[in-house]
Protein backbone atom coordinates (compact mmCIF):
# COMPACT_ATOMS: atom_id res chain seq x y z
CA MET A 1 -12.30 26.75 -28.28
CA SER A 2 -12.74 25.38 -24.79
CA SER A 3 -9.93 23.30 -23.38
CA SER A 4 -8.44 21.76 -20.30
CA SER A 5 -4.79 20.82 -20.06
CA SER A 6 -2.35 18.55 -18.31
CA ARG A 7 1.41 18.20 -18.44
CA SER A 8 3.27 15.27 -19.89
CA ARG A 9 6.99 14.68 -19.52
CA ASN A 10 7.44 13.65 -23.15
CA GLN A 11 7.19 17.19 -24.52
CA LEU A 12 3.50 17.10 -25.38
CA GLN A 13 0.81 19.20 -23.83
CA VAL A 14 -2.62 17.57 -23.92
CA THR A 15 -5.96 19.34 -24.21
CA HIS A 16 -9.45 18.20 -25.11
CA VAL A 17 -10.45 19.31 -28.61
CA GLN A 18 -13.67 21.25 -29.00
CA SER A 19 -14.20 23.55 -31.92
CA GLN A 20 -17.09 25.35 -33.56
CA GLU A 21 -17.27 22.55 -36.12
CA GLY A 22 -17.59 19.98 -33.33
CA VAL A 23 -15.23 17.40 -31.96
CA LYS A 24 -12.46 15.81 -34.03
CA LEU A 25 -12.81 12.03 -34.03
CA CYS A 26 -10.03 9.48 -34.45
CA ASP A 27 -10.21 6.31 -36.57
CA TYR A 28 -12.02 4.53 -33.69
CA VAL A 29 -14.62 7.34 -33.55
CA VAL A 30 -13.26 8.49 -30.19
CA PRO A 31 -12.79 12.23 -29.50
CA ALA A 32 -9.24 13.18 -30.48
CA LYS A 33 -6.92 15.17 -28.21
CA GLU A 34 -5.27 18.40 -29.17
CA ARG A 35 -1.59 18.21 -28.34
CA THR A 36 1.23 20.71 -28.63
CA CYS A 37 4.58 19.50 -29.87
CA TRP A 38 7.63 20.88 -28.05
CA LYS A 39 10.33 19.02 -29.97
CA ILE A 40 12.98 21.16 -31.59
CA THR A 41 11.59 20.41 -35.07
CA ASN A 42 8.08 21.76 -34.34
CA PRO A 43 8.02 23.83 -31.14
CA GLY A 44 4.55 25.07 -30.27
CA ARG A 45 2.91 23.40 -33.27
CA ARG A 46 -0.50 21.96 -32.42
CA PHE A 47 -1.97 18.73 -33.74
CA TRP A 48 -4.74 16.22 -33.08
CA ASN A 49 -4.35 12.50 -32.51
CA CYS A 50 -6.07 9.63 -30.76
CA GLN A 51 -6.40 10.06 -27.00
CA ASN A 52 -5.13 6.49 -26.58
CA SER A 53 -1.94 7.08 -28.58
CA MET A 54 0.13 7.57 -25.42
CA THR A 55 -1.17 4.40 -23.73
CA ARG A 56 -0.85 0.68 -24.26
CA LEU A 57 -4.48 0.49 -25.30
CA ARG A 58 -5.39 -0.13 -28.92
CA LYS A 59 -3.24 1.86 -31.28
CA CYS A 60 -4.80 4.34 -33.65
CA SER A 61 -2.97 6.03 -36.51
CA PHE A 62 -5.12 9.19 -36.54
CA PHE A 63 -2.92 12.29 -36.79
CA GLU A 64 -3.66 15.75 -38.15
CA TRP A 65 -1.70 18.98 -37.83
CA LYS A 66 -3.79 21.92 -36.66
CA ASP A 67 -1.16 24.60 -37.35
CA GLU A 68 0.91 25.29 -40.42
CA GLU A 69 4.60 24.46 -40.10
CA GLN A 70 6.78 27.36 -38.99
CA ALA A 71 9.71 28.37 -41.12
CA ASP A 72 13.08 27.41 -39.69
CA GLY A 73 14.92 30.26 -38.14
CA TYR A 74 15.20 32.63 -35.26
CA TYR A 75 11.61 32.56 -33.95
CA LYS A 76 11.29 28.79 -34.11
CA ASN A 77 14.53 28.40 -32.15
CA LEU A 78 13.53 31.15 -29.71
CA LEU A 79 10.19 29.48 -28.98
CA TYR A 80 11.90 26.14 -28.29
CA SER A 81 14.51 27.80 -26.07
CA LEU A 82 11.91 29.71 -24.05
CA LYS A 83 9.88 26.53 -23.49
CA GLN A 84 13.00 24.74 -22.22
CA LYS A 85 13.70 27.60 -19.78
CA LEU A 86 10.09 27.60 -18.56
CA ASP A 87 10.18 23.83 -17.97
CA ALA A 88 13.43 24.16 -16.01
CA LYS A 89 11.89 26.86 -13.78
CA GLU A 90 8.78 24.74 -13.19
CA GLU A 91 10.92 21.75 -12.22
CA LEU A 92 12.94 23.91 -9.82
CA SER A 93 9.73 25.23 -8.26
CA GLU A 94 8.41 21.67 -7.86
CA MET A 95 11.68 20.59 -6.22
CA ASN A 96 11.54 23.54 -3.81
CA ASN A 97 7.95 22.68 -2.87
CA LEU A 98 8.97 19.07 -2.21
CA ARG A 99 11.91 20.21 -0.07
CA ARG A 100 9.54 22.38 2.00
CA MET A 101 7.16 19.45 2.46
CA ILE A 102 10.02 17.17 3.54
CA ALA A 103 11.21 19.77 6.05
CA GLU A 104 7.68 20.05 7.48
CA VAL A 105 7.36 16.27 7.82
CA GLU A 106 10.81 16.01 9.42
CA PHE A 107 9.83 18.76 11.88
CA LEU A 108 6.59 17.00 12.78
CA LEU A 109 8.39 13.67 13.22
CA SER A 110 11.01 15.26 15.46
CA LYS A 111 8.25 16.43 17.84
CA GLU A 112 7.08 12.85 18.49
């Protein structure tokens, strides 16, 4: 499967769906997106839905799970917890990068 990804703040990871069988199409015959759910009820579970489902464009009800549901328990909770920790580290890294950029701009402005 070939894919490209982008981050979304609402706990979904978006990738283009390509499989050996071809492309999944939504109800509007538009290529569906593969998304990964990171809510506590289904951490890491992948599904397909309309690529316009997260926009104000026409609404499409196409939805299909790609993965089987995980049993509740230790591993499901561990996966969710690890994802939360990873997101927190990424946010901290982004904040540190922004702080460095601000310091550089302040330094350049102070030279003028």
